Amino acid sequence: MKSSFSNTHRTLLLIACGVALGILFAGDGARIVSGWGIFPNRDLNRATSYVREVMAIVSDKYVDPEKSAVPVLAKSALHGVLETLDPHSEFLEAKYFRELEEDMSSEFGGIGVQIELRKGRVWVVTPMPNTPGERAGIRRGDEIRSIDGVPLEKPTTTTVVEKLRGKPKTTVTIGLHRPSEDRDYPVTLTREMIHAESVRNVRLLDGGIGYIQITQFTERTGGEFFNALNTLSTRNATSLIIDLRNNPGGVLESAVQVAGPFFKKGELIVYTQGRATKDRDEFRAESDDQPITAPVAILINAGSASAAEIVAGALKDTHRAVIVGERSFGKGSVQTVFRLKNGEGMRLTTARYYTPGGVTIHEHGVAPQVEVVLTPVEDENVGLQLARPELAADPAAFKERFDAELMPDRQLQAAMTVLQGVTLLTRE
């Protein structure tokens, strides 16, 4: 399989994302806010004057002075202004804005261990390669019992992750229990910048079929996907499955990079259309290399959204892939994230995206050409197998961990059958 993609980044980064995803808009949000006053707008002036009057009354008269402090009221007003527009526009206070930046860069300060909560206890799923956790000898199956000397009581995954993450070069002490040796031991680790992978489970299936799972679209996904293609090429893959099931989306440009190797230079992959006619932005393939012509199948389900739908829609619309699975979520809007003052930001829906043929996915989704609907039990089981491939290879371990039997992945099997048929038909 010959592959290529472009790492070119536009100055303006747009995003097409799920509920918890985003990326910086390349601009100065403070300047944008102050610039609004340059253009007279009678309706805006009247509305802001009215809001100011109400806030003044509330701040002066409300019984609880802490709840009615002007800064508190201002933030509440900003939440209301944005979050009543649609499910994806929102005001981001500083903490959540930082988390959003980390999610989209797929980089964060931490120790490099994946964890899970099981029956109220926190277990290490796996230490990531070449991270502080791995170098300290932390193993899969170790239990985290305390962090910085504080025992974990009624922990949640979110609270534990927040305590383990932090600025690089800061330290954290973890109290661990190793069941296989029945011993407790503390480990003090220095946090580093961790690079999380969004492209996983790259492998060669029967019949020379390459398989790539993309869990979300971050700034690094394009490069990870290109590396995965090269890996499969060295293994002589003759066709390809791209698994986008339960992928909530992410960076629009990364979706374009993933789709790019299947298009000739200059071909339209997706375009966005904003409020004004002139607000159209086209995203085209940029590589001079010949596109991949091997048979491709894309797996989607109801959890495949936004940027994942861009890839599926573009390859379906141009007859470059067969779509297998269930109708996708139908999230076809684009959010731009503005940096505001005090480390805060806002995410605002500014456009909708369209497939090369002018089809909008918003509220419609991408319909599969080969429909295979899983039951809720199957869907959960397959998701667990994809998340924990080391257990999926061991039925006994899988049953012990999840109290469930391994099930066949009927959607993956259907995609393999489709590709095998296409390969037979295209043989000379």
Protein backbone atom coordinates (compact mmCIF):
# COMPACT_ATOMS: atom_id res chain seq x y z
CA MET A 1 0.00 0.00 0.00
CA LYS A 2 1.49 3.30 -0.99
CA SER A 3 0.52 6.13 1.31
CA SER A 4 1.17 9.80 1.84
CA PHE A 5 -0.28 12.68 3.73
CA SER A 6 0.44 16.30 4.42
CA ASN A 7 1.43 17.70 7.79
CA THR A 8 0.72 21.25 6.68
CA HIS A 9 -1.11 23.18 9.37
CA ARG A 10 -3.31 26.12 8.49
CA THR A 11 -3.09 29.26 10.54
CA LEU A 12 -6.74 28.90 11.43
CA LEU A 13 -7.47 25.63 13.20
CA LEU A 14 -11.09 24.61 13.08
CA ILE A 15 -12.58 21.68 14.91
CA ALA A 16 -15.39 19.27 14.39
CA CYS A 17 -15.72 17.61 17.73
CA GLY A 18 -17.74 15.61 20.27
CA VAL A 19 -18.96 16.90 23.58
CA ALA A 20 -15.60 17.04 25.35
CA LEU A 21 -13.17 17.94 22.56
CA GLY A 22 -11.67 21.14 21.12
CA ILE A 23 -8.65 23.09 19.85
CA LEU A 24 -7.32 26.63 19.91
CA PHE A 25 -8.42 29.17 17.34
CA ALA A 26 -5.32 30.90 16.04
CA GLY A 27 -6.08 34.38 17.25
CA ASP A 28 -6.22 36.63 20.27
CA GLY A 29 -9.57 36.21 21.97
CA ALA A 30 -9.05 39.31 24.09
CA ARG A 31 -8.57 41.38 20.95
CA ILE A 32 -11.71 39.91 19.41
CA VAL A 33 -13.75 40.80 22.48
CA SER A 34 -12.46 44.38 22.69
CA GLY A 35 -12.93 44.77 18.94
CA TRP A 36 -16.68 44.34 19.18
CA GLY A 37 -17.03 47.87 20.50
CA ILE A 38 -15.59 49.32 17.31
CA PHE A 39 -18.75 48.61 15.34
CA PRO A 40 -21.87 50.40 16.60
CA ASN A 41 -24.74 48.00 17.23
CA ARG A 42 -27.82 49.54 18.78
CA ASP A 43 -29.45 46.21 19.68
CA LEU A 44 -26.25 44.96 21.31
CA ASN A 45 -25.85 48.15 23.32
CA ARG A 46 -29.44 47.99 24.54
CA ALA A 47 -29.14 44.30 25.49
CA THR A 48 -25.86 44.71 27.38
CA SER A 49 -27.23 47.74 29.21
CA TYR A 50 -30.25 45.70 30.28
CA VAL A 51 -28.09 42.79 31.46
CA ARG A 52 -25.88 45.20 33.39
CA GLU A 53 -28.91 46.71 35.11
CA VAL A 54 -30.21 43.30 36.20
CA MET A 55 -26.78 42.21 37.42
CA ALA A 56 -26.45 45.39 39.47
CA ILE A 57 -29.79 44.76 41.18
CA VAL A 58 -28.97 41.12 41.89
CA SER A 59 -25.49 41.95 43.19
CA ASP A 60 -26.87 44.63 45.49
CA LYS A 61 -30.05 42.97 46.78
CA TYR A 62 -29.65 39.17 46.69
CA VAL A 63 -29.58 37.61 50.15
CA ASP A 64 -26.29 35.70 49.65
CA PRO A 65 -23.48 38.15 48.80
CA GLU A 66 -21.06 35.38 47.76
CA LYS A 67 -23.41 33.96 45.15
CA SER A 68 -24.28 37.42 43.86
CA ALA A 69 -20.75 38.81 43.55
CA VAL A 70 -20.34 40.50 40.18
CA PRO A 71 -17.57 38.14 38.89
CA VAL A 72 -19.74 35.11 39.76
CA LEU A 73 -22.75 36.61 38.00
CA ALA A 74 -20.66 37.49 34.95
CA LYS A 75 -19.47 33.89 34.53
CA SER A 76 -22.99 32.57 35.02
CA ALA A 77 -24.19 34.97 32.32
CA LEU A 78 -21.48 33.79 29.92
CA HIS A 79 -22.45 30.17 30.50
CA GLY A 80 -26.05 31.06 29.74
CA VAL A 81 -25.28 33.07 26.60
CA LEU A 82 -23.31 30.25 24.99
CA GLU A 83 -24.84 27.07 26.35
CA THR A 84 -28.40 27.86 25.29
CA LEU A 85 -27.33 28.08 21.63
CA ASP A 86 -26.69 24.39 20.96
CA PRO A 87 -25.20 21.35 22.72
CA HIS A 88 -21.67 22.12 21.50
CA SER A 89 -21.18 25.84 22.22
CA GLU A 90 -19.93 26.60 25.72
CA PHE A 91 -18.02 28.96 27.97
CA LEU A 92 -14.83 27.31 29.25
CA GLU A 93 -13.47 28.38 32.60
CA ALA A 94 -9.69 28.25 32.97
CA LYS A 95 -9.44 24.71 34.34
CA TYR A 96 -11.59 23.22 31.61
CA PHE A 97 -9.89 25.28 28.91
CA ARG A 98 -6.52 23.81 29.96
CA GLU A 99 -7.99 20.29 29.89
CA LEU A 100 -9.40 20.93 26.43
CA GLU A 101 -5.96 21.99 25.16
CA GLU A 102 -4.43 18.82 26.60
CA ASP A 103 -7.10 16.61 25.04
CA MET A 104 -6.59 18.04 21.59
CA SER A 105 -2.81 18.09 21.69
CA SER A 106 -2.91 14.54 23.14
CA GLU A 107 -0.13 15.74 25.42
CA PHE A 108 -0.32 16.18 29.17
CA GLY A 109 1.88 16.07 32.24
CA GLY A 110 1.61 12.77 34.04
CA ILE A 111 3.23 9.44 34.92
CA GLY A 112 2.07 7.40 31.91
CA VAL A 113 -0.19 4.70 33.34
CA GLN A 114 -3.66 3.73 32.17
CA ILE A 115 -6.05 3.00 35.01
CA GLU A 116 -9.51 1.61 35.54
CA LEU A 117 -11.99 1.54 38.41
CA ARG A 118 -13.18 -1.91 39.46
CA LYS A 119 -15.48 -2.51 42.42
CA GLY A 120 -14.40 0.73 44.06
CA ARG A 121 -10.67 0.09 43.65
CA VAL A 122 -8.20 1.58 41.19
CA TRP A 123 -6.06 -0.78 39.11
CA VAL A 124 -3.27 -0.21 36.61
CA VAL A 125 -4.33 -1.41 33.15
CA THR A 126 -0.90 -0.89 31.65
CA PRO A 127 2.08 1.46 31.93
CA MET A 128 2.71 3.30 28.67
CA PRO A 129 6.11 2.63 27.03
CA ASN A 130 9.04 4.88 27.99
CA THR A 131 7.16 6.79 30.69
CA PRO A 132 7.91 7.37 34.39
CA GLY A 133 5.44 4.64 35.35
CA GLU A 134 7.10 2.01 33.18
CA ARG A 135 10.62 2.98 34.23
CA ALA A 136 9.62 2.75 37.89
CA GLY A 137 8.56 -0.86 37.38
CA ILE A 138 4.80 -0.39 37.77
CA ARG A 139 3.01 -3.42 36.33
CA ARG A 140 -0.38 -4.28 34.94
CA GLY A 141 -2.56 -5.44 37.81
CA ASP A 142 -0.97 -3.24 40.48
CA GLU A 143 -3.55 -1.51 42.69
CA ILE A 144 -3.24 2.20 43.49
CA ARG A 145 -4.21 2.67 47.14
CA SER A 146 -2.98 6.17 47.93
CA ILE A 147 -1.69 9.31 46.23
CA ASP A 148 0.69 11.64 48.08
CA GLY A 149 -0.03 9.80 51.32
CA VAL A 150 -3.82 10.23 51.08
CA PRO A 151 -5.75 6.91 50.88
CA LEU A 152 -8.21 6.60 48.00
CA GLU A 153 -11.66 6.50 49.55
CA LYS A 154 -14.62 6.15 47.17
CA PRO A 155 -12.41 7.11 44.21
CA THR A 156 -13.63 7.96 40.72
CA THR A 157 -11.58 7.67 37.57
CA THR A 158 -11.79 11.45 37.08
CA THR A 159 -10.52 12.36 40.53
CA VAL A 160 -7.64 9.88 40.37
CA VAL A 161 -6.56 11.08 36.91
CA GLU A 162 -6.64 14.69 38.14
CA LYS A 163 -4.35 13.79 41.05
CA LEU A 164 -1.92 11.82 38.87
CA ARG A 165 -1.70 14.52 36.21
CA GLY A 166 0.26 17.69 36.81
CA LYS A 167 2.97 19.95 35.48
CA PRO A 168 6.08 18.23 34.13
CA LYS A 169 9.00 18.03 36.61
CA THR A 170 6.65 17.95 39.61
CA THR A 171 6.57 14.80 41.76
CA VAL A 172 3.81 12.52 42.97
CA THR A 173 4.05 9.59 45.40
CA ILE A 174 1.82 6.59 44.77
CA GLY A 175 1.06 3.88 47.25
CA LEU A 176 0.78 0.58 45.35
CA HIS A 177 -0.22 -2.96 46.22
CA ARG A 178 1.02 -5.86 44.08
CA PRO A 179 -1.34 -8.84 44.50
CA SER A 180 1.02 -11.32 42.84
CA GLU A 181 3.61 -10.67 45.57
CA ASP A 182 1.18 -9.65 48.33
CA ARG A 183 3.16 -6.54 49.18
CA ASP A 184 2.62 -2.80 49.48
CA TYR A 185 5.21 -0.37 48.22
CA PRO A 186 5.42 3.39 47.53
CA VAL A 187 6.83 4.90 44.35
CA THR A 188 7.76 8.56 43.92
CA LEU A 189 7.63 9.64 40.30
CA THR A 190 8.55 12.81 38.44
CA ARG A 191 5.85 13.78 35.97
CA GLU A 192 6.75 14.18 32.30
CA MET A 193 4.95 15.28 29.17
CA ILE A 194 2.96 12.22 28.08
CA HIS A 195 1.99 11.64 24.47
CA ALA A 196 -1.25 9.65 24.23
CA GLU A 197 -1.87 7.66 21.04
CA SER A 198 -5.15 7.96 19.15
CA VAL A 199 -4.26 5.26 16.58
CA ARG A 200 -4.30 1.78 18.13
CA ASN A 201 -4.43 -1.95 17.50
CA VAL A 202 -2.54 -1.79 14.20
CA ARG A 203 -2.32 -5.36 12.96
CA LEU A 204 -2.60 -7.68 9.98
CA LEU A 205 -5.72 -9.85 9.82
CA ASP A 206 -6.29 -12.99 7.79
CA GLY A 207 -6.18 -12.58 4.01
CA GLY A 208 -3.68 -9.72 4.05
CA ILE A 209 -6.22 -7.26 5.52
CA GLY A 210 -4.70 -4.41 7.49
CA TYR A 211 -6.56 -3.09 10.52
CA ILE A 212 -6.29 0.36 12.15
CA GLN A 213 -8.43 1.68 15.00
CA ILE A 214 -8.70 5.45 15.49
CA THR A 215 -10.13 6.38 18.89
CA GLN A 216 -10.33 10.17 18.34
CA PHE A 217 -8.83 12.87 16.12
CA THR A 218 -6.12 14.90 17.86
CA GLU A 219 -3.34 17.07 16.45
CA ARG A 220 -1.11 13.97 16.31
CA THR A 221 -3.56 11.58 14.61
CA GLY A 222 -2.45 12.33 11.04
CA GLY A 223 1.16 11.39 11.78
CA GLU A 224 0.15 8.31 13.76
CA PHE A 225 -2.09 7.15 10.92
CA PHE A 226 0.68 7.64 8.37
CA ASN A 227 3.03 5.53 10.50
CA ALA A 228 0.37 2.83 10.80
CA LEU A 229 -0.03 2.74 7.01
CA ASN A 230 3.71 2.33 6.61
CA THR A 231 3.73 -0.49 9.16
CA LEU A 232 0.99 -2.36 7.30
CA SER A 233 2.73 -1.72 3.98
CA THR A 234 5.89 -3.46 5.25
CA ARG A 235 3.68 -6.41 6.21
CA ASN A 236 2.33 -6.59 2.65
CA ALA A 237 -1.26 -5.65 3.47
CA THR A 238 -3.44 -5.78 0.36
CA SER A 239 -6.58 -4.10 1.79
CA LEU A 240 -7.50 -2.01 4.81
CA ILE A 241 -10.10 -1.67 7.56
CA ILE A 242 -10.32 1.67 9.39
CA ASP A 243 -12.29 1.28 12.62
CA LEU A 244 -14.03 4.52 13.62
CA ARG A 245 -16.60 3.00 15.96
CA ASN A 246 -17.26 5.09 19.07
CA ASN A 247 -14.87 7.76 17.80
CA PRO A 248 -16.36 11.08 19.02
CA GLY A 249 -14.39 13.21 16.56
CA GLY A 250 -11.82 15.92 17.22
CA VAL A 251 -9.63 18.12 15.04
CA LEU A 252 -11.05 18.70 11.59
CA GLU A 253 -7.65 19.02 9.95
CA SER A 254 -6.59 15.65 11.34
CA ALA A 255 -9.63 14.09 9.68
CA VAL A 256 -8.49 15.67 6.42
CA GLN A 257 -4.99 14.23 6.92
CA VAL A 258 -6.38 10.74 7.52
CA ALA A 259 -8.55 10.91 4.40
CA GLY A 260 -5.80 12.57 2.32
CA PRO A 261 -3.80 9.46 1.27
CA PHE A 262 -6.85 8.15 -0.60
CA PHE A 263 -7.26 11.29 -2.78
CA LYS A 264 -5.31 12.85 -5.63
CA LYS A 265 -3.71 16.23 -5.02
CA GLY A 266 -6.28 19.00 -5.26
CA GLU A 267 -9.34 16.78 -4.81
CA LEU A 268 -11.96 18.08 -2.40
CA ILE A 269 -12.26 16.09 0.85
CA VAL A 270 -14.66 18.27 2.84
CA TYR A 271 -15.81 21.87 2.99
CA THR A 272 -17.30 24.00 5.73
CA GLN A 273 -19.96 26.66 5.24
CA GLY A 274 -20.47 29.40 7.77
CA ARG A 275 -23.19 31.98 8.25
CA ALA A 276 -22.24 34.17 5.30
CA THR A 277 -21.92 32.96 1.71
CA LYS A 278 -18.27 33.97 1.71
CA ASP A 279 -17.61 31.89 4.82
CA ARG A 280 -16.76 28.73 2.89
CA ASP A 281 -13.52 26.91 3.56
CA GLU A 282 -12.45 24.00 1.38
CA PHE A 283 -10.07 21.25 2.48
CA ARG A 284 -8.32 19.45 -0.37
CA ALA A 285 -5.72 16.71 -0.64
CA GLU A 286 -2.21 18.17 -0.71
CA SER A 287 0.16 15.29 -1.36
CA ASP A 288 1.90 14.81 -4.72
CA ASP A 289 2.01 11.03 -4.19
CA GLN A 290 -0.36 8.69 -5.93
CA PRO A 291 -3.39 7.85 -3.77
CA ILE A 292 -3.95 4.48 -2.14
CA THR A 293 -6.11 2.35 -4.41
CA ALA A 294 -6.30 -0.79 -2.27
CA PRO A 295 -9.82 -1.85 -1.18
CA VAL A 296 -10.91 -0.05 2.01
CA ALA A 297 -13.73 -0.67 4.48
CA ILE A 298 -14.66 1.75 7.26
CA LEU A 299 -16.43 0.61 10.43
CA ILE A 300 -18.87 3.08 12.04
CA ASN A 301 -21.66 3.00 14.60
CA ALA A 302 -23.92 5.41 16.45
CA GLY A 303 -20.92 6.57 18.50
CA SER A 304 -19.00 7.74 15.40
CA ALA A 305 -19.32 11.52 15.23
CA SER A 306 -18.07 14.71 13.59
CA ALA A 307 -14.46 14.27 12.40
CA ALA A 308 -15.01 10.49 12.19
CA GLU A 309 -18.02 11.19 9.98
CA ILE A 310 -15.91 13.47 7.78
CA VAL A 311 -13.57 10.59 6.95
CA ALA A 312 -16.39 8.09 6.44
CA GLY A 313 -18.50 10.55 4.43
CA ALA A 314 -15.64 11.68 2.18
CA LEU A 315 -14.54 8.13 1.28
CA LYS A 316 -18.13 6.93 0.83
CA ASP A 317 -19.13 9.96 -1.27
CA THR A 318 -16.22 9.42 -3.66
CA HIS A 319 -16.57 5.61 -3.81
CA ARG A 320 -13.20 5.03 -2.18
CA ALA A 321 -14.45 2.87 0.70
CA VAL A 322 -17.30 0.60 1.72
CA ILE A 323 -19.00 1.71 4.94
CA VAL A 324 -19.93 -1.14 7.29
CA GLY A 325 -21.86 -1.08 10.56
CA GLU A 326 -24.57 1.27 11.78
CA ARG A 327 -25.67 4.83 10.95
CA SER A 328 -23.33 7.35 12.56
CA PHE A 329 -24.25 9.99 15.13
CA GLY A 330 -24.93 12.93 12.79
CA LYS A 331 -22.83 15.72 14.28
CA GLY A 332 -21.95 17.92 11.33
CA SER A 333 -21.17 21.26 12.93
CA VAL A 334 -17.79 22.93 13.34
CA GLN A 335 -16.70 24.63 16.54
CA THR A 336 -14.07 27.36 16.74
CA VAL A 337 -12.43 27.83 20.13
CA PHE A 338 -11.52 31.39 21.15
CA ARG A 339 -9.02 32.21 23.86
CA LEU A 340 -10.48 34.79 26.24
CA LYS A 341 -9.04 36.65 29.23
CA ASN A 342 -7.75 35.04 32.44
CA GLY A 343 -6.93 31.73 30.74
CA GLU A 344 -10.58 31.15 29.84
CA GLY A 345 -12.11 30.40 26.47
CA MET A 346 -15.28 29.74 24.56
CA ARG A 347 -16.24 27.17 22.00
CA LEU A 348 -18.69 28.46 19.40
CA THR A 349 -20.42 26.71 16.52
CA THR A 350 -19.36 28.71 13.48
CA ALA A 351 -20.07 26.46 10.49
CA ARG A 352 -21.36 23.13 9.21
CA TYR A 353 -19.36 20.73 7.12
CA TYR A 354 -20.31 18.99 3.88
CA THR A 355 -19.02 15.97 1.99
CA PRO A 356 -17.46 16.49 -1.45
CA GLY A 357 -20.89 15.94 -3.06
CA GLY A 358 -22.48 18.67 -0.95
CA VAL A 359 -24.20 16.32 1.50
CA THR A 360 -24.58 17.51 5.09
CA ILE A 361 -24.23 14.90 7.80
CA HIS A 362 -25.72 17.14 10.49
CA GLU A 363 -28.61 15.34 12.22
CA HIS A 364 -28.57 12.68 9.47
CA GLY A 365 -25.31 10.81 9.96
CA VAL A 366 -23.55 8.52 7.48
CA ALA A 367 -25.58 5.50 6.43
CA PRO A 368 -23.61 2.25 6.03
CA GLN A 369 -23.71 0.42 2.72
CA VAL A 370 -23.46 -2.88 4.59
CA GLU A 371 -25.63 -2.60 7.68
CA VAL A 372 -24.72 -4.79 10.65
CA VAL A 373 -26.49 -3.77 13.86
CA LEU A 374 -25.10 -5.09 17.14
CA THR A 375 -27.21 -5.66 20.22
CA PRO A 376 -26.34 -3.49 23.27
CA VAL A 377 -24.67 -6.52 24.88
CA GLU A 378 -22.61 -7.21 21.76
CA ASP A 379 -21.68 -3.55 21.44
CA GLU A 380 -20.41 -3.40 25.02
CA ASN A 381 -18.54 -6.67 24.67
CA VAL A 382 -16.81 -5.66 21.42
CA GLY A 383 -15.90 -2.29 22.94
CA LEU A 384 -14.23 -4.04 25.87
CA GLN A 385 -12.31 -6.32 23.52
CA LEU A 386 -11.00 -3.36 21.53
CA ALA A 387 -10.07 -1.44 24.69
CA ARG A 388 -8.30 -4.43 26.25
CA PRO A 389 -6.76 -6.47 23.41
CA GLU A 390 -4.46 -8.32 25.82
CA LEU A 391 -7.53 -9.76 27.58
CA ALA A 392 -9.35 -10.42 24.30
CA ALA A 393 -6.62 -12.92 23.52
CA ASP A 394 -7.28 -14.78 26.78
CA PRO A 395 -10.94 -15.88 27.19
CA ALA A 396 -10.42 -16.95 30.81
CA ALA A 397 -8.85 -13.63 31.81
CA PHE A 398 -11.57 -11.73 29.95
CA LYS A 399 -14.30 -13.61 31.80
CA GLU A 400 -12.60 -13.12 35.16
CA ARG A 401 -12.25 -9.37 34.60
CA PHE A 402 -15.61 -8.56 33.01
CA ASP A 403 -17.74 -11.56 33.99
CA ALA A 404 -18.61 -12.07 30.32
CA GLU A 405 -17.73 -14.43 27.50
CA LEU A 406 -15.89 -13.21 24.43
CA MET A 407 -18.24 -12.59 21.51
CA PRO A 408 -17.52 -12.48 17.79
CA ASP A 409 -17.24 -8.99 16.30
CA ARG A 410 -19.88 -9.35 13.58
CA GLN A 411 -19.21 -5.90 12.13
CA LEU A 412 -15.51 -6.60 11.74
CA GLN A 413 -16.28 -10.00 10.22
CA ALA A 414 -18.64 -8.37 7.71
CA ALA A 415 -15.96 -5.84 6.73
CA MET A 416 -13.45 -8.63 6.19
CA THR A 417 -15.94 -10.55 4.03
CA VAL A 418 -16.57 -7.43 1.92
CA LEU A 419 -12.85 -6.83 1.37
CA GLN A 420 -12.21 -10.47 0.52
CA GLY A 421 -14.95 -10.28 -2.11
CA VAL A 422 -13.63 -7.03 -3.57
CA THR A 423 -10.10 -8.47 -3.69
CA LEU A 424 -11.30 -11.52 -5.60
CA LEU A 425 -13.17 -9.37 -8.12
CA THR A 426 -10.21 -7.06 -8.76
CA ARG A 427 -7.61 -9.77 -9.27
CA GLU A 428 -6.21 -9.89 -12.74
